[in-house]
N, C-alpha and C. Protein backbone atom coordinates (compact mmCIF):
# COMPACT_ATOMS: atom_id res chain seq x y z
N UNK A 1 76.38 -13.42 70.82
CA UNK A 1 76.70 -12.50 69.76
C UNK A 1 77.51 -11.34 70.35
N UNK A 2 78.52 -10.93 69.67
CA UNK A 2 79.40 -9.86 70.12
C UNK A 2 78.92 -8.52 69.58
N UNK A 3 78.89 -7.53 70.46
CA UNK A 3 78.53 -6.18 70.08
C UNK A 3 79.81 -5.38 69.90
N UNK A 4 79.96 -4.73 68.74
CA UNK A 4 81.12 -3.88 68.49
C UNK A 4 80.70 -2.43 68.69
N UNK A 5 81.43 -1.73 69.55
CA UNK A 5 81.15 -0.34 69.84
C UNK A 5 82.41 0.47 69.60
N UNK A 6 82.29 1.53 68.81
CA UNK A 6 83.41 2.43 68.59
C UNK A 6 83.12 3.73 69.33
N UNK A 7 84.09 4.13 70.15
CA UNK A 7 83.95 5.35 70.95
C UNK A 7 84.86 6.44 70.43
N UNK A 8 84.31 7.65 70.36
CA UNK A 8 85.10 8.82 69.99
C UNK A 8 85.95 9.24 71.19
N UNK A 9 86.95 10.04 70.97
CA UNK A 9 87.74 10.53 72.10
C UNK A 9 86.85 11.23 73.14
N UNK A 10 86.99 10.83 74.39
CA UNK A 10 86.23 11.43 75.48
C UNK A 10 84.80 10.94 75.61
N UNK A 11 84.33 10.11 74.69
CA UNK A 11 82.95 9.62 74.75
C UNK A 11 82.78 8.67 75.93
N UNK A 12 81.57 8.69 76.49
CA UNK A 12 81.27 7.82 77.62
C UNK A 12 80.26 6.75 77.22
N UNK A 13 80.27 5.66 77.98
CA UNK A 13 79.34 4.55 77.75
C UNK A 13 79.05 3.91 79.10
N UNK A 14 77.83 3.47 79.28
CA UNK A 14 77.47 2.71 80.47
C UNK A 14 77.41 1.25 80.07
N UNK A 15 78.13 0.42 80.80
CA UNK A 15 78.06 -1.03 80.63
C UNK A 15 77.74 -1.60 82.00
N UNK A 16 76.57 -2.21 82.11
CA UNK A 16 76.13 -2.70 83.41
C UNK A 16 75.92 -1.53 84.35
N UNK A 17 76.60 -1.55 85.46
CA UNK A 17 76.49 -0.47 86.44
C UNK A 17 77.71 0.45 86.40
N UNK A 18 78.52 0.34 85.36
CA UNK A 18 79.76 1.12 85.28
C UNK A 18 79.71 2.15 84.15
N UNK A 19 80.16 3.35 84.48
CA UNK A 19 80.33 4.40 83.47
C UNK A 19 81.78 4.34 83.02
N UNK A 20 81.99 4.22 81.73
CA UNK A 20 83.33 4.12 81.16
C UNK A 20 83.54 5.34 80.28
N UNK A 21 84.67 6.03 80.47
CA UNK A 21 85.01 7.20 79.66
C UNK A 21 86.23 6.87 78.82
N UNK A 22 86.10 7.08 77.52
CA UNK A 22 87.20 6.83 76.61
C UNK A 22 88.29 7.89 76.79
N UNK A 23 89.52 7.51 76.52
CA UNK A 23 90.66 8.43 76.59
C UNK A 23 90.63 9.38 75.40
N UNK A 24 91.76 9.82 74.94
CA UNK A 24 91.83 10.86 73.91
C UNK A 24 91.97 10.33 72.49
N UNK A 25 91.68 9.05 72.26
CA UNK A 25 91.72 8.51 70.90
C UNK A 25 90.55 7.56 70.68
N UNK A 26 90.23 7.34 69.41
CA UNK A 26 89.13 6.41 69.09
C UNK A 26 89.46 5.03 69.66
N UNK A 27 88.41 4.37 70.12
CA UNK A 27 88.57 3.05 70.70
C UNK A 27 87.47 2.14 70.17
N UNK A 28 87.81 0.91 69.93
CA UNK A 28 86.83 -0.09 69.51
C UNK A 28 86.75 -1.14 70.61
N UNK A 29 85.53 -1.39 71.08
CA UNK A 29 85.29 -2.41 72.10
C UNK A 29 84.45 -3.52 71.50
N UNK A 30 84.75 -4.74 71.90
CA UNK A 30 83.92 -5.89 71.53
C UNK A 30 83.35 -6.42 72.84
N UNK A 31 82.04 -6.38 72.96
CA UNK A 31 81.39 -6.71 74.22
C UNK A 31 80.55 -7.96 74.04
N UNK A 32 80.78 -8.93 74.92
CA UNK A 32 79.99 -10.15 74.94
C UNK A 32 79.26 -10.22 76.27
N UNK A 33 78.09 -10.80 76.26
CA UNK A 33 77.31 -10.93 77.48
C UNK A 33 75.99 -10.18 77.35
N UNK A 34 75.27 -10.09 78.45
CA UNK A 34 73.95 -9.47 78.36
C UNK A 34 73.79 -8.30 79.34
N UNK A 35 74.87 -7.64 79.68
CA UNK A 35 74.78 -6.45 80.54
C UNK A 35 74.13 -5.32 79.74
N UNK A 36 73.35 -4.47 80.40
CA UNK A 36 72.78 -3.32 79.69
C UNK A 36 73.89 -2.36 79.25
N UNK A 37 73.75 -1.83 78.05
CA UNK A 37 74.76 -0.94 77.47
C UNK A 37 74.05 0.28 76.90
N UNK A 38 74.54 1.46 77.27
CA UNK A 38 74.01 2.70 76.70
C UNK A 38 75.16 3.63 76.35
N UNK A 39 75.14 4.12 75.12
CA UNK A 39 76.13 5.11 74.70
C UNK A 39 75.74 6.46 75.26
N UNK A 40 76.70 7.34 75.35
CA UNK A 40 76.49 8.66 75.92
C UNK A 40 75.32 9.40 75.25
N UNK A 41 75.21 9.30 73.94
CA UNK A 41 74.15 10.01 73.22
C UNK A 41 72.76 9.51 73.57
N UNK A 42 72.67 8.31 74.14
CA UNK A 42 71.38 7.72 74.50
C UNK A 42 71.07 7.84 75.99
N UNK A 43 71.98 8.43 76.75
CA UNK A 43 71.80 8.56 78.20
C UNK A 43 71.07 9.87 78.50
N UNK A 44 70.01 9.76 79.26
CA UNK A 44 69.26 10.93 79.69
C UNK A 44 69.46 11.09 81.19
N UNK A 45 69.70 12.31 81.65
CA UNK A 45 69.86 12.56 83.07
C UNK A 45 68.56 13.11 83.64
N UNK A 46 68.47 13.13 84.95
CA UNK A 46 67.29 13.68 85.61
C UNK A 46 67.11 15.15 85.20
N UNK A 47 68.20 15.89 85.13
CA UNK A 47 68.13 17.31 84.77
C UNK A 47 67.67 17.53 83.33
N UNK A 48 68.04 16.64 82.43
CA UNK A 48 67.67 16.83 81.03
C UNK A 48 66.30 16.23 80.69
N UNK A 49 65.69 15.51 81.63
CA UNK A 49 64.36 14.94 81.41
C UNK A 49 63.32 16.02 81.73
N UNK A 50 63.21 17.00 80.85
CA UNK A 50 62.41 18.19 81.12
C UNK A 50 61.10 18.26 80.35
N UNK A 51 60.67 17.16 79.77
CA UNK A 51 59.36 17.09 79.10
C UNK A 51 58.71 15.77 79.50
N UNK A 52 57.40 15.63 79.31
CA UNK A 52 56.74 14.36 79.66
C UNK A 52 57.35 13.14 78.95
N UNK A 53 57.62 13.26 77.65
CA UNK A 53 58.18 12.12 76.91
C UNK A 53 59.59 11.78 77.40
N UNK A 54 60.37 12.79 77.72
CA UNK A 54 61.72 12.54 78.22
C UNK A 54 61.68 11.89 79.59
N UNK A 55 60.68 12.24 80.41
CA UNK A 55 60.56 11.60 81.72
C UNK A 55 60.18 10.12 81.57
N UNK A 56 59.36 9.83 80.55
CA UNK A 56 59.03 8.42 80.27
C UNK A 56 60.29 7.69 79.81
N UNK A 57 61.07 8.30 78.93
CA UNK A 57 62.33 7.71 78.49
C UNK A 57 63.23 7.43 79.69
N UNK A 58 63.34 8.40 80.59
CA UNK A 58 64.19 8.23 81.77
C UNK A 58 63.71 7.06 82.62
N UNK A 59 62.40 6.93 82.80
CA UNK A 59 61.86 5.80 83.58
C UNK A 59 62.23 4.47 82.93
N UNK A 60 62.10 4.39 81.61
CA UNK A 60 62.45 3.15 80.90
C UNK A 60 63.96 2.92 80.98
N UNK A 61 64.74 3.98 80.86
CA UNK A 61 66.20 3.87 80.98
C UNK A 61 66.58 3.29 82.34
N UNK A 62 65.94 3.77 83.40
CA UNK A 62 66.24 3.25 84.73
C UNK A 62 65.85 1.78 84.85
N UNK A 63 64.73 1.41 84.25
CA UNK A 63 64.33 -0.01 84.23
C UNK A 63 65.39 -0.84 83.52
N UNK A 64 65.83 -0.35 82.36
CA UNK A 64 66.81 -1.06 81.54
C UNK A 64 68.14 -1.23 82.26
N UNK A 65 68.64 -0.16 82.84
CA UNK A 65 69.96 -0.22 83.47
C UNK A 65 69.94 -1.02 84.78
N UNK A 66 68.85 -0.94 85.52
CA UNK A 66 68.80 -1.63 86.80
C UNK A 66 68.27 -3.06 86.68
N UNK A 67 67.56 -3.32 85.58
CA UNK A 67 66.91 -4.63 85.39
C UNK A 67 65.85 -4.88 86.46
N UNK A 68 65.33 -3.81 87.03
CA UNK A 68 64.28 -3.91 88.06
C UNK A 68 63.06 -3.13 87.60
N UNK A 69 62.25 -3.75 86.79
CA UNK A 69 61.08 -3.09 86.23
C UNK A 69 60.13 -2.66 87.33
N UNK A 70 59.87 -3.54 88.28
CA UNK A 70 58.88 -3.25 89.32
C UNK A 70 59.24 -2.03 90.17
N UNK A 71 60.52 -1.78 90.32
CA UNK A 71 60.98 -0.64 91.12
C UNK A 71 60.52 0.70 90.52
N UNK A 72 60.36 0.74 89.20
CA UNK A 72 60.05 1.99 88.50
C UNK A 72 58.68 1.99 87.83
N UNK A 73 57.94 0.89 87.94
CA UNK A 73 56.70 0.79 87.17
C UNK A 73 55.61 1.76 87.63
N UNK A 74 55.48 2.02 88.92
CA UNK A 74 54.45 2.95 89.38
C UNK A 74 54.69 4.36 88.82
N UNK A 75 55.93 4.82 88.89
CA UNK A 75 56.26 6.12 88.33
C UNK A 75 56.03 6.16 86.83
N UNK A 76 56.40 5.07 86.15
CA UNK A 76 56.20 4.97 84.70
C UNK A 76 54.72 5.09 84.35
N UNK A 77 53.87 4.33 85.03
CA UNK A 77 52.44 4.35 84.71
C UNK A 77 51.81 5.70 85.02
N UNK A 78 52.28 6.38 86.04
CA UNK A 78 51.79 7.72 86.35
C UNK A 78 52.15 8.69 85.22
N UNK A 79 53.38 8.60 84.74
CA UNK A 79 53.82 9.45 83.62
C UNK A 79 53.02 9.15 82.35
N UNK A 80 52.76 7.87 82.12
CA UNK A 80 52.01 7.45 80.93
C UNK A 80 50.59 8.01 80.98
N UNK A 81 49.95 7.92 82.13
CA UNK A 81 48.58 8.46 82.25
C UNK A 81 48.56 9.96 81.96
N UNK A 82 49.54 10.67 82.49
CA UNK A 82 49.61 12.12 82.29
C UNK A 82 49.77 12.48 80.81
N UNK A 83 50.68 11.80 80.12
CA UNK A 83 50.94 12.16 78.72
C UNK A 83 49.76 11.77 77.83
N UNK A 84 49.11 10.65 78.13
CA UNK A 84 47.95 10.23 77.33
C UNK A 84 46.81 11.23 77.50
N UNK A 85 46.60 11.70 78.72
CA UNK A 85 45.53 12.68 78.95
C UNK A 85 45.84 14.00 78.24
N UNK A 86 47.08 14.41 78.26
CA UNK A 86 47.46 15.68 77.64
C UNK A 86 47.51 15.59 76.12
N UNK A 87 47.92 14.43 75.61
CA UNK A 87 48.10 14.27 74.16
C UNK A 87 47.71 12.85 73.75
N UNK A 88 46.44 12.64 73.44
CA UNK A 88 45.98 11.28 73.06
C UNK A 88 46.73 10.68 71.86
N UNK A 89 47.35 11.52 71.04
CA UNK A 89 48.10 11.00 69.88
C UNK A 89 49.32 10.19 70.31
N UNK A 90 49.67 10.23 71.59
CA UNK A 90 50.82 9.48 72.09
C UNK A 90 50.46 8.02 72.42
N UNK A 91 49.18 7.69 72.40
CA UNK A 91 48.74 6.34 72.81
C UNK A 91 49.46 5.22 72.04
N UNK A 92 49.58 5.29 70.70
CA UNK A 92 50.28 4.19 70.01
C UNK A 92 51.74 4.03 70.46
N UNK A 93 52.42 5.13 70.71
CA UNK A 93 53.81 5.07 71.17
C UNK A 93 53.88 4.42 72.55
N UNK A 94 53.03 4.89 73.45
CA UNK A 94 53.02 4.38 74.82
C UNK A 94 52.65 2.90 74.84
N UNK A 95 51.72 2.52 73.98
CA UNK A 95 51.32 1.10 73.89
C UNK A 95 52.50 0.24 73.47
N UNK A 96 53.24 0.70 72.45
CA UNK A 96 54.40 -0.07 72.00
C UNK A 96 55.49 -0.13 73.09
N UNK A 97 55.71 0.98 73.76
CA UNK A 97 56.71 0.99 74.85
C UNK A 97 56.31 -0.01 75.91
N UNK A 98 55.05 0.06 76.34
CA UNK A 98 54.57 -0.84 77.40
C UNK A 98 54.63 -2.29 76.98
N UNK A 99 54.29 -2.58 75.74
CA UNK A 99 54.36 -3.97 75.25
C UNK A 99 55.80 -4.48 75.27
N UNK A 100 56.75 -3.64 74.92
CA UNK A 100 58.16 -4.05 74.98
C UNK A 100 58.59 -4.29 76.43
N UNK A 101 58.12 -3.46 77.34
CA UNK A 101 58.45 -3.64 78.76
C UNK A 101 57.89 -4.96 79.25
N UNK A 102 56.63 -5.23 78.93
CA UNK A 102 55.99 -6.48 79.36
C UNK A 102 56.75 -7.69 78.81
N UNK A 103 57.24 -7.57 77.58
CA UNK A 103 57.98 -8.67 76.94
C UNK A 103 59.44 -8.71 77.38
N UNK A 104 59.83 -7.85 78.33
CA UNK A 104 61.21 -7.76 78.81
C UNK A 104 62.19 -7.42 77.69
N UNK A 105 61.73 -6.55 76.80
CA UNK A 105 62.56 -6.05 75.69
C UNK A 105 62.81 -4.56 75.95
N UNK A 106 63.59 -4.31 76.98
CA UNK A 106 63.75 -2.93 77.46
C UNK A 106 64.53 -2.05 76.50
N UNK A 107 65.49 -2.61 75.78
CA UNK A 107 66.20 -1.78 74.81
C UNK A 107 65.26 -1.34 73.69
N UNK A 108 64.38 -2.24 73.25
CA UNK A 108 63.39 -1.86 72.23
C UNK A 108 62.43 -0.82 72.79
N UNK A 109 62.09 -0.94 74.07
CA UNK A 109 61.24 0.06 74.72
C UNK A 109 61.92 1.43 74.71
N UNK A 110 63.23 1.44 74.95
CA UNK A 110 63.99 2.70 74.90
C UNK A 110 63.95 3.31 73.49
N UNK A 111 64.11 2.49 72.48
CA UNK A 111 64.07 2.99 71.11
C UNK A 111 62.70 3.59 70.80
N UNK A 112 61.65 2.94 71.27
CA UNK A 112 60.30 3.46 71.05
C UNK A 112 60.07 4.74 71.85
N UNK A 113 60.68 4.82 73.02
CA UNK A 113 60.58 6.05 73.83
C UNK A 113 61.27 7.21 73.11
N UNK A 114 62.33 6.93 72.37
CA UNK A 114 62.99 7.96 71.54
C UNK A 114 62.01 8.46 70.48
N UNK A 115 61.27 7.53 69.89
CA UNK A 115 60.27 7.91 68.89
C UNK A 115 59.18 8.78 69.53
N UNK A 116 58.82 8.48 70.77
CA UNK A 116 57.84 9.29 71.50
C UNK A 116 58.37 10.70 71.71
N UNK A 117 59.64 10.83 72.03
CA UNK A 117 60.25 12.16 72.19
C UNK A 117 60.17 12.95 70.88
N UNK A 118 60.44 12.30 69.78
CA UNK A 118 60.35 12.97 68.47
C UNK A 118 58.92 13.39 68.17
N UNK A 119 57.95 12.53 68.52
CA UNK A 119 56.54 12.87 68.33
C UNK A 119 56.17 14.08 69.18
N UNK A 120 56.65 14.08 70.41
CA UNK A 120 56.38 15.20 71.31
C UNK A 120 56.95 16.51 70.74
N UNK A 121 58.13 16.45 70.15
CA UNK A 121 58.72 17.65 69.53
C UNK A 121 57.80 18.20 68.45
N UNK A 122 57.20 17.31 67.66
CA UNK A 122 56.28 17.74 66.61
C UNK A 122 55.03 18.39 67.21
N UNK A 123 54.55 17.82 68.31
CA UNK A 123 53.38 18.41 68.99
C UNK A 123 53.72 19.82 69.46
N UNK A 124 54.87 19.96 70.12
CA UNK A 124 55.27 21.28 70.63
C UNK A 124 55.48 22.28 69.48
N UNK A 125 56.04 21.81 68.38
CA UNK A 125 56.27 22.69 67.25
C UNK A 125 54.96 23.18 66.63
N UNK A 126 53.93 22.35 66.72
CA UNK A 126 52.63 22.71 66.14
C UNK A 126 51.89 23.73 67.00
N UNK A 127 52.27 23.82 68.26
CA UNK A 127 51.64 24.80 69.14
C UNK A 127 52.25 26.17 68.87
N UNK A 128 51.44 27.12 68.56
CA UNK A 128 51.93 28.48 68.29
C UNK A 128 51.54 29.36 69.47
N UNK A 129 52.46 30.18 69.93
CA UNK A 129 52.12 31.09 71.03
C UNK A 129 50.99 32.04 70.61
N UNK A 130 50.08 32.28 71.55
CA UNK A 130 48.96 33.17 71.29
C UNK A 130 49.08 34.37 72.21
N UNK A 131 48.89 35.57 71.67
CA UNK A 131 48.98 36.79 72.47
C UNK A 131 47.69 37.00 73.27
N UNK A 132 47.71 37.96 74.16
CA UNK A 132 46.57 38.24 75.03
C UNK A 132 45.32 38.62 74.23
N UNK A 133 45.49 39.21 73.01
CA UNK A 133 44.32 39.61 72.21
C UNK A 133 43.81 38.47 71.31
N UNK A 134 44.40 37.27 71.45
CA UNK A 134 43.94 36.12 70.70
C UNK A 134 44.66 35.89 69.38
N UNK A 135 45.52 36.80 68.99
CA UNK A 135 46.27 36.65 67.74
C UNK A 135 47.57 35.89 67.97
N UNK A 136 48.14 35.40 66.90
CA UNK A 136 49.41 34.70 67.01
C UNK A 136 50.53 35.68 67.28
N UNK A 137 51.51 35.24 68.03
CA UNK A 137 52.68 36.07 68.30
C UNK A 137 53.70 35.92 67.21
């Protein structure tokens, strides 16, 4: 099956182990094969992985791009344990991510990790800063 990808001017995409940057006009690519593909909007860097859920996404992204699950699994499981302990409401998300990884469905695991990031945003939004006297700020 052929994947059609349209890139905006200057947009980047990873195909396999290559980063491709579009020139100054829209481009349409038709990609055949089974190389991992990530659009710029779906790429997370080490610097931008600044929350527990984003670090899990980054671990799954590295698994997906390298096709070497075992290389990153210890770090992934450590991150999973930390987030589950801190926020038990993340268990269903983590379970789905892990099940996709086990089934070698890494792109689906990435999509579920995105959902985990959104869930984490809701958790953070629900936390209200508390002042030293116990009242809300």
